[in-house]
PDB file of N, CA and C in Angstrom:
ATOM      1  N   MET A   1     -23.895 -43.307 -34.569  1.00  0.00           N
ATOM      2  CA  MET A   1     -25.007 -44.053 -35.128  1.00  0.00           C
ATOM      3  C   MET A   1     -26.309 -43.465 -34.600  1.00  0.00           C
ATOM      4  N   THR A   2     -27.244 -43.230 -35.483  1.00  0.00           N
ATOM      5  CA  THR A   2     -28.566 -42.740 -35.101  1.00  0.00           C
ATOM      6  C   THR A   2     -29.527 -43.920 -35.085  1.00  0.00           C
ATOM      7  N   CYS A   3     -30.209 -44.094 -33.973  1.00  0.00           N
ATOM      8  CA  CYS A   3     -31.143 -45.205 -33.833  1.00  0.00           C
ATOM      9  C   CYS A   3     -32.526 -44.672 -33.497  1.00  0.00           C
ATOM     10  N   LYS A   4     -33.526 -45.380 -33.966  1.00  0.00           N
ATOM     11  CA  LYS A   4     -34.891 -45.039 -33.607  1.00  0.00           C
ATOM     12  C   LYS A   4     -35.637 -46.306 -33.215  1.00  0.00           C
ATOM     13  N   ARG A   5     -36.783 -46.131 -32.581  1.00  0.00           N
ATOM     14  CA  ARG A   5     -37.598 -47.245 -32.106  1.00  0.00           C
ATOM     15  C   ARG A   5     -37.819 -48.261 -33.223  1.00  0.00           C
ATOM     16  N   ASP A   6     -37.697 -49.525 -32.862  1.00  0.00           N
ATOM     17  CA  ASP A   6     -37.916 -50.685 -33.730  1.00  0.00           C
ATOM     18  C   ASP A   6     -36.781 -50.972 -34.713  1.00  0.00           C
ATOM     19  N   ASP A   7     -35.692 -50.180 -34.684  1.00  0.00           N
ATOM     20  CA  ASP A   7     -34.515 -50.538 -35.481  1.00  0.00           C
ATOM     21  C   ASP A   7     -33.931 -51.839 -34.939  1.00  0.00           C
ATOM     22  N   ARG A   8     -33.398 -52.659 -35.825  1.00  0.00           N
ATOM     23  CA  ARG A   8     -32.715 -53.878 -35.430  1.00  0.00           C
ATOM     24  C   ARG A   8     -31.224 -53.590 -35.385  1.00  0.00           C
ATOM     25  N   ILE A   9     -30.569 -54.048 -34.303  1.00  0.00           N
ATOM     26  CA  ILE A   9     -29.141 -53.815 -34.115  1.00  0.00           C
ATOM     27  C   ILE A   9     -28.446 -55.097 -33.679  1.00  0.00           C
ATOM     28  N   ALA A  10     -27.133 -55.069 -33.790  1.00  0.00           N
ATOM     29  CA  ALA A  10     -26.292 -56.169 -33.284  1.00  0.00           C
ATOM     30  C   ALA A  10     -25.203 -55.559 -32.408  1.00  0.00           C
ATOM     31  N   LEU A  11     -24.846 -56.277 -31.369  1.00  0.00           N
ATOM     32  CA  LEU A  11     -23.801 -55.837 -30.452  1.00  0.00           C
ATOM     33  C   LEU A  11     -22.434 -56.011 -31.098  1.00  0.00           C
ATOM     34  N   VAL A  12     -21.607 -54.982 -30.983  1.00  0.00           N
ATOM     35  CA  VAL A  12     -20.213 -55.101 -31.415  1.00  0.00           C
ATOM     36  C   VAL A  12     -19.459 -55.498 -30.151  1.00  0.00           C
ATOM     37  N   PRO A  13     -18.866 -54.611 -29.360  1.00  0.00           N
ATOM     38  CA  PRO A  13     -18.407 -54.985 -28.018  1.00  0.00           C
ATOM     39  C   PRO A  13     -19.186 -54.213 -26.959  1.00  0.00           C
ATOM     40  N   THR A  14     -19.101 -54.637 -25.724  1.00  0.00           N
ATOM     41  CA  THR A  14     -19.656 -53.887 -24.600  1.00  0.00           C
ATOM     42  C   THR A  14     -18.622 -53.829 -23.486  1.00  0.00           C
ATOM     43  N   THR A  15     -18.680 -52.772 -22.709  1.00  0.00           N
ATOM     44  CA  THR A  15     -17.743 -52.619 -21.594  1.00  0.00           C
ATOM     45  C   THR A  15     -18.300 -53.217 -20.304  1.00  0.00           C
ATOM     46  N   ASP A  16     -19.514 -53.758 -20.343  1.00  0.00           N
ATOM     47  CA  ASP A  16     -20.157 -54.315 -19.148  1.00  0.00           C
ATOM     48  C   ASP A  16     -19.601 -55.705 -18.851  1.00  0.00           C
ATOM     49  N   PRO A  17     -18.861 -55.860 -17.752  1.00  0.00           N
ATOM     50  CA  PRO A  17     -18.263 -57.164 -17.451  1.00  0.00           C
ATOM     51  C   PRO A  17     -19.264 -58.172 -16.879  1.00  0.00           C
ATOM     52  N   TYR A  18     -20.482 -57.747 -16.584  1.00  0.00           N
ATOM     53  CA  TYR A  18     -21.452 -58.619 -15.927  1.00  0.00           C
ATOM     54  C   TYR A  18     -22.538 -59.153 -16.851  1.00  0.00           C
ATOM     55  N   THR A  19     -22.515 -58.791 -18.118  1.00  0.00           N
ATOM     56  CA  THR A  19     -23.556 -59.230 -19.037  1.00  0.00           C
ATOM     57  C   THR A  19     -23.214 -60.572 -19.671  1.00  0.00           C
ATOM     58  N   ASP A  20     -24.262 -61.300 -20.043  1.00  0.00           N
ATOM     59  CA  ASP A  20     -24.082 -62.547 -20.784  1.00  0.00           C
ATOM     60  C   ASP A  20     -24.141 -62.304 -22.293  1.00  0.00           C
ATOM     61  N   LEU A  21     -24.410 -61.059 -22.701  1.00  0.00           N
ATOM     62  CA  LEU A  21     -24.445 -60.741 -24.128  1.00  0.00           C
ATOM     63  C   LEU A  21     -23.050 -60.885 -24.719  1.00  0.00           C
ATOM     64  N   THR A  22     -23.000 -61.335 -25.960  1.00  0.00           N
ATOM     65  CA  THR A  22     -21.723 -61.473 -26.651  1.00  0.00           C
ATOM     66  C   THR A  22     -21.793 -60.771 -27.997  1.00  0.00           C
ATOM     67  N   GLU A  23     -20.643 -60.507 -28.560  1.00  0.00           N
ATOM     68  CA  GLU A  23     -20.580 -59.838 -29.853  1.00  0.00           C
ATOM     69  C   GLU A  23     -21.433 -60.583 -30.874  1.00  0.00           C
ATOM     70  N   GLY A  24     -22.256 -59.813 -31.595  1.00  0.00           N
ATOM     71  CA  GLY A  24     -23.131 -60.392 -32.620  1.00  0.00           C
ATOM     72  C   GLY A  24     -24.557 -60.606 -32.150  1.00  0.00           C
ATOM     73  N   ASP A  25     -24.794 -60.589 -30.823  1.00  0.00           N
ATOM     74  CA  ASP A  25     -26.171 -60.715 -30.334  1.00  0.00           C
ATOM     75  C   ASP A  25     -27.015 -59.595 -30.933  1.00  0.00           C
ATOM     76  N   GLN A  26     -28.282 -59.916 -31.244  1.00  0.00           N
ATOM     77  CA  GLN A  26     -29.155 -58.956 -31.901  1.00  0.00           C
ATOM     78  C   GLN A  26     -30.328 -58.570 -31.018  1.00  0.00           C
ATOM     79  N   GLY A  27     -30.869 -57.388 -31.284  1.00  0.00           N
ATOM     80  CA  GLY A  27     -32.012 -56.910 -30.521  1.00  0.00           C
ATOM     81  C   GLY A  27     -32.743 -55.807 -31.253  1.00  0.00           C
ATOM     82  N   THR A  28     -33.813 -55.318 -30.612  1.00  0.00           N
ATOM     83  CA  THR A  28     -34.664 -54.273 -31.170  1.00  0.00           C
ATOM     84  C   THR A  28     -34.596 -53.042 -30.269  1.00  0.00           C
ATOM     85  N   VAL A  29     -34.354 -51.898 -30.888  1.00  0.00           N
ATOM     86  CA  VAL A  29     -34.280 -50.638 -30.147  1.00  0.00           C
ATOM     87  C   VAL A  29     -35.673 -50.285 -29.622  1.00  0.00           C
ATOM     88  N   ARG A  30     -35.747 -49.956 -28.343  1.00  0.00           N
ATOM     89  CA  ARG A  30     -36.993 -49.503 -27.725  1.00  0.00           C
ATOM     90  C   ARG A  30     -36.992 -47.991 -27.538  1.00  0.00           C
ATOM     91  N   ARG A  31     -35.819 -47.406 -27.291  1.00  0.00           N
ATOM     92  CA  ARG A  31     -35.743 -45.964 -27.057  1.00  0.00           C
ATOM     93  C   ARG A  31     -34.296 -45.526 -27.137  1.00  0.00           C
ATOM     94  N   TYR A  32     -34.086 -44.286 -27.593  1.00  0.00           N
ATOM     95  CA  TYR A  32     -32.749 -43.706 -27.589  1.00  0.00           C
ATOM     96  C   TYR A  32     -32.806 -42.358 -26.895  1.00  0.00           C
ATOM     97  N   ASP A  33     -32.084 -42.218 -25.800  1.00  0.00           N
ATOM     98  CA  ASP A  33     -32.005 -40.968 -25.041  1.00  0.00           C
ATOM     99  C   ASP A  33     -30.776 -40.212 -25.524  1.00  0.00           C
ATOM    100  N   THR A  34     -30.995 -39.168 -26.307  1.00  0.00           N
ATOM    101  CA  THR A  34     -29.874 -38.420 -26.880  1.00  0.00           C
ATOM    102  C   THR A  34     -29.059 -37.687 -25.814  1.00  0.00           C
ATOM    103  N   ALA A  35     -29.699 -37.244 -24.745  1.00  0.00           N
ATOM    104  CA  ALA A  35     -28.990 -36.509 -23.687  1.00  0.00           C
ATOM    105  C   ALA A  35     -27.963 -37.398 -22.989  1.00  0.00           C
ATOM    106  N   LEU A  36     -28.288 -38.677 -22.825  1.00  0.00           N
ATOM    107  CA  LEU A  36     -27.391 -39.613 -22.140  1.00  0.00           C
ATOM    108  C   LEU A  36     -26.642 -40.539 -23.105  1.00  0.00           C
ATOM    109  N   ALA A  37     -26.968 -40.455 -24.399  1.00  0.00           N
ATOM    110  CA  ALA A  37     -26.447 -41.396 -25.396  1.00  0.00           C
ATOM    111  C   ALA A  37     -26.696 -42.832 -24.931  1.00  0.00           C
ATOM    112  N   GLN A  38     -27.909 -43.063 -24.394  1.00  0.00           N
ATOM    113  CA  GLN A  38     -28.292 -44.372 -23.864  1.00  0.00           C
ATOM    114  C   GLN A  38     -29.334 -45.008 -24.775  1.00  0.00           C
ATOM    115  N   LEU A  39     -29.030 -46.202 -25.197  1.00  0.00           N
ATOM    116  CA  LEU A  39     -29.884 -46.949 -26.108  1.00  0.00           C
ATOM    117  C   LEU A  39     -30.558 -48.076 -25.331  1.00  0.00           C
ATOM    118  N   SER A  40     -31.885 -48.025 -25.228  1.00  0.00           N
ATOM    119  CA  SER A  40     -32.643 -49.095 -24.561  1.00  0.00           C
ATOM    120  C   SER A  40     -32.968 -50.156 -25.595  1.00  0.00           C
ATOM    121  N   VAL A  41     -32.608 -51.405 -25.284  1.00  0.00           N
ATOM    122  CA  VAL A  41     -32.721 -52.491 -26.262  1.00  0.00           C
ATOM    123  C   VAL A  41     -33.421 -53.692 -25.641  1.00  0.00           C
ATOM    124  N   ASP A  42     -34.323 -54.305 -26.410  1.00  0.00           N
ATOM    125  CA  ASP A  42     -34.867 -55.614 -26.067  1.00  0.00           C
ATOM    126  C   ASP A  42     -34.061 -56.625 -26.879  1.00  0.00           C
ATOM    127  N   TRP A  43     -33.136 -57.294 -26.217  1.00  0.00           N
ATOM    128  CA  TRP A  43     -32.273 -58.262 -26.901  1.00  0.00           C
ATOM    129  C   TRP A  43     -33.040 -59.556 -27.145  1.00  0.00           C
ATOM    130  N   ASP A  44     -32.751 -60.210 -28.262  1.00  0.00           N
ATOM    131  CA  ASP A  44     -33.417 -61.466 -28.619  1.00  0.00           C
ATOM    132  C   ASP A  44     -33.215 -62.533 -27.550  1.00  0.00           C
ATOM    133  N   SER A  45     -32.143 -62.437 -26.792  1.00  0.00           N
ATOM    134  CA  SER A  45     -31.835 -63.413 -25.741  1.00  0.00           C
ATOM    135  C   SER A  45     -32.711 -63.227 -24.500  1.00  0.00           C
ATOM    136  N   GLY A  46     -33.475 -62.121 -24.452  1.00  0.00           N
ATOM    137  CA  GLY A  46     -34.299 -61.831 -23.284  1.00  0.00           C
ATOM    138  C   GLY A  46     -33.724 -60.741 -22.401  1.00  0.00           C
ATOM    139  N   SER A  47     -32.481 -60.380 -22.606  1.00  0.00           N
ATOM    140  CA  SER A  47     -31.848 -59.316 -21.834  1.00  0.00           C
ATOM    141  C   SER A  47     -32.456 -57.964 -22.212  1.00  0.00           C
ATOM    142  N   THR A  48     -32.463 -57.037 -21.270  1.00  0.00           N
ATOM    143  CA  THR A  48     -32.911 -55.675 -21.545  1.00  0.00           C
ATOM    144  C   THR A  48     -31.792 -54.674 -21.244  1.00  0.00           C
ATOM    145  N   LEU A  49     -30.562 -55.133 -21.306  1.00  0.00           N
ATOM    146  CA  LEU A  49     -29.414 -54.281 -21.023  1.00  0.00           C
ATOM    147  C   LEU A  49     -29.385 -53.089 -21.980  1.00  0.00           C
ATOM    148  N   SER A  50     -29.252 -51.892 -21.423  1.00  0.00           N
ATOM    149  CA  SER A  50     -29.110 -50.677 -22.229  1.00  0.00           C
ATOM    150  C   SER A  50     -27.653 -50.492 -22.618  1.00  0.00           C
ATOM    151  N   MET A  51     -27.444 -49.862 -23.751  1.00  0.00           N
ATOM    152  CA  MET A  51     -26.105 -49.582 -24.239  1.00  0.00           C
ATOM    153  C   MET A  51     -25.776 -48.120 -23.988  1.00  0.00           C
ATOM    154  N   LEU A  52     -24.587 -47.878 -23.454  1.00  0.00           N
ATOM    155  CA  LEU A  52     -24.100 -46.516 -23.231  1.00  0.00           C
ATOM    156  C   LEU A  52     -23.110 -46.195 -24.346  1.00  0.00           C
ATOM    157  N   LEU A  53     -23.601 -45.536 -25.379  1.00  0.00           N
ATOM    158  CA  LEU A  53     -22.793 -45.328 -26.578  1.00  0.00           C
ATOM    159  C   LEU A  53     -21.612 -44.397 -26.335  1.00  0.00           C
ATOM    160  N   ASP A  54     -21.712 -43.486 -25.373  1.00  0.00           N
ATOM    161  CA  ASP A  54     -20.570 -42.626 -25.022  1.00  0.00           C
ATOM    162  C   ASP A  54     -19.664 -43.291 -23.992  1.00  0.00           C
ATOM    163  N   GLY A  55     -20.083 -44.466 -23.503  1.00  0.00           N
ATOM    164  CA  GLY A  55     -19.325 -45.167 -22.473  1.00  0.00           C
ATOM    165  C   GLY A  55     -18.517 -46.336 -23.018  1.00  0.00           C
ATOM    166  N   GLY A  56     -18.477 -46.485 -24.333  1.00  0.00           N
ATOM    167  CA  GLY A  56     -17.666 -47.540 -24.918  1.00  0.00           C
ATOM    168  C   GLY A  56     -18.457 -48.676 -25.542  1.00  0.00           C
ATOM    169  N   ASP A  57     -19.777 -48.741 -25.302  1.00  0.00           N
ATOM    170  CA  ASP A  57     -20.591 -49.787 -25.935  1.00  0.00           C
ATOM    171  C   ASP A  57     -20.776 -49.439 -27.410  1.00  0.00           C
ATOM    172  N   GLU A  58     -20.809 -50.470 -28.244  1.00  0.00           N
ATOM    173  CA  GLU A  58     -20.993 -50.257 -29.686  1.00  0.00           C
ATOM    174  C   GLU A  58     -22.012 -51.239 -30.230  1.00  0.00           C
ATOM    175  N   VAL A  59     -22.823 -50.727 -31.160  1.00  0.00           N
ATOM    176  CA  VAL A  59     -23.790 -51.559 -31.875  1.00  0.00           C
ATOM    177  C   VAL A  59     -23.705 -51.200 -33.352  1.00  0.00           C
ATOM    178  N   ARG A  60     -24.278 -52.069 -34.164  1.00  0.00           N
ATOM    179  CA  ARG A  60     -24.334 -51.793 -35.610  1.00  0.00           C
ATOM    180  C   ARG A  60     -25.717 -52.197 -36.103  1.00  0.00           C
ATOM    181  N   PRO A  61     -26.180 -51.584 -37.192  1.00  0.00           N
ATOM    182  CA  PRO A  61     -27.477 -51.987 -37.732  1.00  0.00           C
ATOM    183  C   PRO A  61     -27.395 -53.389 -38.340  1.00  0.00           C
ATOM    184  N   THR A  62     -28.524 -54.081 -38.351  1.00  0.00           N
ATOM    185  CA  THR A  62     -28.554 -55.410 -39.000  1.00  0.00           C
ATOM    186  C   THR A  62     -29.394 -55.371 -40.249  1.00  0.00           C
TER     187      THR A  62
END
């Protein structure tokens, strides 16, 4: 998935056992680091958890 700033996304699953985010939570992309496959997201819930797309985290466009 290619993401750019201000794209809206929804969480599919995440491998982070410590987050309160759940499948379907939505947020806005702030930055995508292609070298790390790291997606910085401002989640609607207030979380700023980044997604590691090569680490098992998945998102989808909304």
